C-alpha atoms as a PDB file:
ATOM      1  CA  UNK A   1     113.644  85.999  75.433  1.00  0.00           C
ATOM      2  CA  UNK A   2     114.704  89.379  76.845  1.00  0.00           C
ATOM      3  CA  UNK A   3     114.453  91.712  73.848  1.00  0.00           C
ATOM      4  CA  UNK A   4     111.116  93.418  73.096  1.00  0.00           C
ATOM      5  CA  UNK A   5     108.780  91.439  70.870  1.00  0.00           C
ATOM      6  CA  UNK A   6     108.283  93.094  67.495  1.00  0.00           C
ATOM      7  CA  UNK A   7     106.429  92.071  64.315  1.00  0.00           C
ATOM      8  CA  UNK A   8     109.800  91.113  62.806  1.00  0.00           C
ATOM      9  CA  UNK A   9     110.233  88.570  65.608  1.00  0.00           C
ATOM     10  CA  UNK A  10     107.258  86.600  64.306  1.00  0.00           C
ATOM     11  CA  UNK A  11     107.141  87.260  60.542  1.00  0.00           C
ATOM     12  CA  UNK A  12     109.649  84.473  59.704  1.00  0.00           C
ATOM     13  CA  UNK A  13     107.383  82.028  61.572  1.00  0.00           C
ATOM     14  CA  UNK A  14     104.129  82.572  59.659  1.00  0.00           C
ATOM     15  CA  UNK A  15     102.644  79.159  58.743  1.00  0.00           C
ATOM     16  CA  UNK A  16     104.737  77.429  61.419  1.00  0.00           C
ATOM     17  CA  UNK A  17     103.342  75.459  64.351  1.00  0.00           C
ATOM     18  CA  UNK A  18     103.729  76.843  67.860  1.00  0.00           C
ATOM     19  CA  UNK A  19     103.335  74.329  70.688  1.00  0.00           C
ATOM     20  CA  UNK A  20     102.053  75.229  74.136  1.00  0.00           C
ATOM     21  CA  UNK A  21     104.786  74.294  76.595  1.00  0.00           C
ATOM     22  CA  UNK A  22     103.659  71.489  78.919  1.00  0.00           C
ATOM     23  CA  UNK A  23     100.334  71.320  77.065  1.00  0.00           C
ATOM     24  CA  UNK A  24      98.656  69.438  74.251  1.00  0.00           C
ATOM     25  CA  UNK A  25      97.725  72.365  72.014  1.00  0.00           C
ATOM     26  CA  UNK A  26      99.504  73.246  68.778  1.00  0.00           C
ATOM     27  CA  UNK A  27      98.614  76.488  66.989  1.00  0.00           C
ATOM     28  CA  UNK A  28      99.683  77.644  63.542  1.00  0.00           C
ATOM     29  CA  UNK A  29     100.652  81.298  63.163  1.00  0.00           C
ATOM     30  CA  UNK A  30      98.521  82.338  60.189  1.00  0.00           C
ATOM     31  CA  UNK A  31      99.416  86.022  60.010  1.00  0.00           C
ATOM     32  CA  UNK A  32     100.938  89.072  61.659  1.00  0.00           C
ATOM     33  CA  UNK A  33      98.700  92.151  61.380  1.00  0.00           C
ATOM     34  CA  UNK A  34     100.710  95.362  61.719  1.00  0.00           C
ATOM     35  CA  UNK A  35      98.671  98.387  62.748  1.00  0.00           C
ATOM     36  CA  UNK A  36      99.168 101.561  60.723  1.00  0.00           C
ATOM     37  CA  UNK A  37     100.395 104.252  63.098  1.00  0.00           C
ATOM     38  CA  UNK A  38     101.285 107.902  62.697  1.00  0.00           C
ATOM     39  CA  UNK A  39     104.822 109.013  63.529  1.00  0.00           C
ATOM     40  CA  UNK A  40     103.658 110.840  66.665  1.00  0.00           C
ATOM     41  CA  UNK A  41     101.812 107.744  67.848  1.00  0.00           C
ATOM     42  CA  UNK A  42     104.814 105.472  67.302  1.00  0.00           C
ATOM     43  CA  UNK A  43     107.101 107.973  69.057  1.00  0.00           C
ATOM     44  CA  UNK A  44     104.724 108.231  72.024  1.00  0.00           C
ATOM     45  CA  UNK A  45     104.299 104.466  72.304  1.00  0.00           C
ATOM     46  CA  UNK A  46     107.930 103.681  71.580  1.00  0.00           C
ATOM     47  CA  UNK A  47     107.162 100.615  69.446  1.00  0.00           C
ATOM     48  CA  UNK A  48     104.920  99.195  66.728  1.00  0.00           C
ATOM     49  CA  UNK A  49     101.441  97.830  67.594  1.00  0.00           C
ATOM     50  CA  UNK A  50     100.606  94.472  66.039  1.00  0.00           C
ATOM     51  CA  UNK A  51      98.430  91.383  66.406  1.00  0.00           C
ATOM     52  CA  UNK A  52      99.295  87.727  65.923  1.00  0.00           C
ATOM     53  CA  UNK A  53      96.559  85.494  64.523  1.00  0.00           C
ATOM     54  CA  UNK A  54      96.824  81.774  65.205  1.00  0.00           C
ATOM     55  CA  UNK A  55      94.698  78.861  63.987  1.00  0.00           C
ATOM     56  CA  UNK A  56      93.999  75.718  65.950  1.00  0.00           C
ATOM     57  CA  UNK A  57      91.736  72.717  65.581  1.00  0.00           C
ATOM     58  CA  UNK A  58      88.020  73.180  66.228  1.00  0.00           C
ATOM     59  CA  UNK A  59      86.476  71.790  69.371  1.00  0.00           C
ATOM     60  CA  UNK A  60      89.521  71.595  71.645  1.00  0.00           C
ATOM     61  CA  UNK A  61      89.713  75.308  72.469  1.00  0.00           C
ATOM     62  CA  UNK A  62      92.701  76.634  74.396  1.00  0.00           C
ATOM     63  CA  UNK A  63      91.373  78.812  77.218  1.00  0.00           C
ATOM     64  CA  UNK A  64      92.299  82.478  77.397  1.00  0.00           C
ATOM     65  CA  UNK A  65      95.475  83.002  79.354  1.00  0.00           C
ATOM     66  CA  UNK A  66      99.232  83.418  79.524  1.00  0.00           C
ATOM     67  CA  UNK A  67     101.159  80.550  77.902  1.00  0.00           C
ATOM     68  CA  UNK A  68     104.680  79.844  76.762  1.00  0.00           C
ATOM     69  CA  UNK A  69     104.614  79.032  73.046  1.00  0.00           C
ATOM     70  CA  UNK A  70     107.556  77.308  71.392  1.00  0.00           C
ATOM     71  CA  UNK A  71     108.200  77.233  67.663  1.00  0.00           C
ATOM     72  CA  UNK A  72     110.674  74.803  66.128  1.00  0.00           C
ATOM     73  CA  UNK A  73     113.821  76.652  65.134  1.00  0.00           C
ATOM     74  CA  UNK A  74     112.628  79.861  66.727  1.00  0.00           C
ATOM     75  CA  UNK A  75     111.960  81.667  69.959  1.00  0.00           C
ATOM     76  CA  UNK A  76     109.894  80.566  72.924  1.00  0.00           C
ATOM     77  CA  UNK A  77     107.685  83.437  74.058  1.00  0.00           C
ATOM     78  CA  UNK A  78     105.223  84.021  76.864  1.00  0.00           C
ATOM     79  CA  UNK A  79     102.056  85.283  75.194  1.00  0.00           C
ATOM     80  CA  UNK A  80      98.557  86.141  76.395  1.00  0.00           C
ATOM     81  CA  UNK A  81      96.322  84.196  74.016  1.00  0.00           C
ATOM     82  CA  UNK A  82      92.647  84.936  73.457  1.00  0.00           C
ATOM     83  CA  UNK A  83      90.308  82.642  71.517  1.00  0.00           C
ATOM     84  CA  UNK A  84      88.171  84.736  69.158  1.00  0.00           C
ATOM     85  CA  UNK A  85      84.870  84.130  67.450  1.00  0.00           C
ATOM     86  CA  UNK A  86      85.570  81.993  64.401  1.00  0.00           C
ATOM     87  CA  UNK A  87      82.947  81.547  61.712  1.00  0.00           C
ATOM     88  CA  UNK A  88      84.852  78.815  59.872  1.00  0.00           C
ATOM     89  CA  UNK A  89      83.923  75.363  61.146  1.00  0.00           C
ATOM     90  CA  UNK A  90      87.272  73.770  60.328  1.00  0.00           C
ATOM     91  CA  UNK A  91      89.357  75.756  62.835  1.00  0.00           C
ATOM     92  CA  UNK A  92      89.452  77.932  65.954  1.00  0.00           C
ATOM     93  CA  UNK A  93      91.211  81.301  65.707  1.00  0.00           C
ATOM     94  CA  UNK A  94      93.200  83.007  68.450  1.00  0.00           C
ATOM     95  CA  UNK A  95      94.782  86.430  68.792  1.00  0.00           C
ATOM     96  CA  UNK A  96      97.699  87.917  70.693  1.00  0.00           C
ATOM     97  CA  UNK A  97      97.639  91.718  70.788  1.00  0.00           C
ATOM     98  CA  UNK A  98     100.663  93.980  71.277  1.00  0.00           C
ATOM     99  CA  UNK A  99      99.476  97.566  71.914  1.00  0.00           C
END
């Protein structure tokens, strides 16, 4: 994928499963959090800041790092994934931040 990644790239894929290329992990995109920005901030940055939140199974945690994620019927993207503290026992949450 050569175009810049934007929230609109991922919004159609909320609740879909993303598979780690050449790996065993499958993560569900649970939401796209779009950061509220002032006009001056958006103009200075040149794009919208946002965060992707994924859910995966508990116990088998994907380590922090750069992975290619593939979604059925959608784009494959290289993303830096970070596991985050998850208080729910039935899942492990992950985030991908675009600043």
